[in-house]
Protein backbone atom coordinates (compact mmCIF):
# COMPACT_ATOMS: atom_id res chain seq x y z
CA GLN A 1 -8.50 -2.11 3.65
CA VAL A 2 -9.31 0.66 1.21
CA GLN A 3 -6.33 2.23 -0.50
CA LEU A 4 -6.33 5.19 -2.86
CA VAL A 5 -2.86 5.88 -4.24
CA GLU A 6 -2.47 8.99 -6.35
CA SER A 7 0.53 9.60 -8.60
CA GLY A 8 1.68 11.61 -11.58
CA GLY A 9 1.96 15.08 -10.09
CA GLY A 10 4.91 17.38 -10.50
CA LEU A 11 6.14 20.79 -11.53
CA VAL A 12 4.95 22.02 -14.90
CA GLN A 13 5.01 25.35 -16.69
CA PRO A 14 1.80 27.22 -17.49
CA GLY A 15 0.21 25.74 -20.59
CA GLY A 16 1.70 22.34 -19.92
CA SER A 17 0.06 18.98 -19.29
CA LEU A 18 0.08 16.26 -16.68
CA ARG A 19 -1.71 12.95 -16.33
CA LEU A 20 -2.64 11.87 -12.83
CA SER A 21 -3.41 8.28 -11.88
CA CYS A 22 -5.22 6.84 -8.89
CA ALA A 23 -4.88 3.14 -8.13
CA ALA A 24 -7.77 1.90 -6.01
CA SER A 25 -8.01 -1.26 -3.95
CA GLY A 26 -9.96 -2.71 -1.04
CA PHE A 27 -13.41 -2.05 -2.46
CA THR A 28 -15.42 -2.95 -5.53
CA PHE A 29 -14.10 -0.40 -7.99
CA THR A 30 -16.59 -1.30 -10.71
CA SER A 31 -19.51 -0.53 -8.39
CA ASN A 32 -18.41 2.99 -7.57
CA ALA A 33 -18.37 6.32 -9.30
CA MET A 34 -14.98 7.96 -8.91
CA SER A 35 -13.93 11.54 -8.44
CA TRP A 36 -10.93 13.83 -8.37
CA TYR A 37 -10.63 16.61 -5.82
CA ARG A 38 -7.97 19.21 -5.15
CA GLN A 39 -6.91 21.38 -2.25
CA ALA A 40 -4.87 24.50 -2.71
CA PRO A 41 -2.95 26.09 0.19
CA GLY A 42 -5.30 27.92 2.50
CA LYS A 43 -8.39 26.73 0.66
CA GLU A 44 -10.97 24.03 1.17
CA ARG A 45 -10.85 20.82 -0.82
CA GLU A 46 -12.96 21.13 -3.96
CA LEU A 47 -14.41 18.68 -6.44
CA VAL A 48 -12.71 18.77 -9.84
CA ALA A 49 -14.25 15.93 -11.84
CA VAL A 50 -16.49 12.89 -11.47
CA ILE A 51 -17.07 9.81 -13.59
CA ASN A 52 -19.79 7.22 -13.35
CA ILE A 53 -19.35 3.47 -13.08
CA THR A 54 -19.12 2.77 -16.79
CA GLY A 55 -17.33 5.93 -17.78
CA SER A 56 -20.23 7.06 -19.92
CA ARG A 57 -20.97 10.16 -17.85
CA THR A 58 -18.58 12.80 -16.56
CA ASN A 59 -18.96 16.18 -14.88
CA TYR A 60 -16.41 18.89 -14.26
CA ALA A 61 -15.95 21.99 -12.17
CA ASP A 62 -16.44 25.09 -14.29
CA SER A 63 -12.83 26.10 -13.66
CA VAL A 64 -11.45 23.02 -15.47
CA LYS A 65 -14.06 22.36 -18.18
CA GLY A 66 -12.47 21.94 -21.58
CA ARG A 67 -9.00 21.47 -20.08
CA PHE A 68 -9.26 18.38 -17.85
CA THR A 69 -10.53 14.91 -18.74
CA ILE A 70 -11.40 12.19 -16.25
CA SER A 71 -11.35 8.55 -17.35
CA ARG A 72 -11.22 5.13 -15.77
CA ASP A 73 -9.95 1.62 -16.45
CA ASN A 74 -12.20 -0.93 -14.75
CA VAL A 75 -9.72 -3.72 -15.43
CA LYS A 76 -6.82 -1.93 -13.75
CA ASN A 77 -9.02 -0.37 -11.00
CA THR A 78 -7.51 2.99 -11.88
CA VAL A 79 -8.95 6.44 -12.49
CA TYR A 80 -7.07 9.09 -14.44
CA LEU A 81 -7.11 12.86 -14.77
CA GLN A 82 -5.61 14.29 -17.93
CA MET A 83 -4.83 17.95 -17.32
CA ASN A 84 -4.04 20.21 -20.26
CA SER A 85 -3.48 23.95 -20.57
CA LEU A 86 -2.51 24.11 -16.93
CA LYS A 87 -2.69 27.43 -15.11
CA PRO A 88 -0.99 28.61 -11.93
CA GLU A 89 -4.37 28.47 -10.18
CA ASP A 90 -4.43 24.72 -10.78
CA THR A 91 -1.64 24.37 -8.25
CA ALA A 92 -2.90 22.09 -5.49
CA VAL A 93 -2.70 18.65 -3.97
CA TYR A 94 -4.93 16.36 -6.01
CA TYR A 95 -6.86 13.49 -4.46
CA CYS A 96 -9.16 10.79 -5.77
CA ASN A 97 -12.06 9.14 -3.99
CA ALA A 98 -15.03 6.94 -4.68
CA GLY A 99 -18.48 8.44 -4.87
CA TRP A 100 -20.61 10.77 -6.97
CA TYR A 101 -20.23 14.28 -5.53
CA ARG A 102 -19.67 12.79 -2.06
CA PRO A 103 -16.38 11.21 -1.00
CA THR A 104 -16.80 7.72 0.36
CA TYR A 105 -13.49 6.74 1.92
CA SER A 106 -10.63 8.25 3.87
CA TRP A 107 -8.28 10.34 1.78
CA GLY A 108 -5.02 9.07 0.37
CA GLN A 109 -1.79 11.01 0.43
CA GLY A 110 -2.60 12.94 -2.73
CA THR A 111 -0.21 14.09 -5.43
CA GLN A 112 1.19 17.61 -5.63
CA VAL A 113 0.69 19.60 -8.83
CA THR A 114 2.60 22.85 -9.13
CA VAL A 115 2.13 25.10 -12.14
CA SER A 116 4.83 27.74 -12.28
CA LEU A 117 7.50 29.24 -14.50
C-alpha cells in the first residue's frame, strides 16, 4: 500500500523558513521522480517543485524559484522541500507525490504551511 506522509509544516512569519519532509513507502522510491504540490484555500492544487530519480535535475514553479529547494534521500525514501524567504502567498497545504509533472498516487494528508505575522 502506497503511503505518502508529509510533515514539517507550521506557522511562520514572513521571511522565515521551514523544511518539509515526505516519507514514502509502498512503491520503489528510487525508480520514481518526486514532486511537491500545494493547494491554497479556494485554489487548485499546483506543482511547486520536481526532482528526478538521482536528484541531479530539479524544476520549480516561477513563484518559488530561488527561495525553495527540493532534495531527496534515496536511502531514507524521503523527499524534502526547504522553503526560505516565505511569503504570505505561500500559505497552503503542501503535498508530495511520485511522478514528473504528473502525480502518480493518491494524495496523502498534506502538511499545512501558514505564513503570517
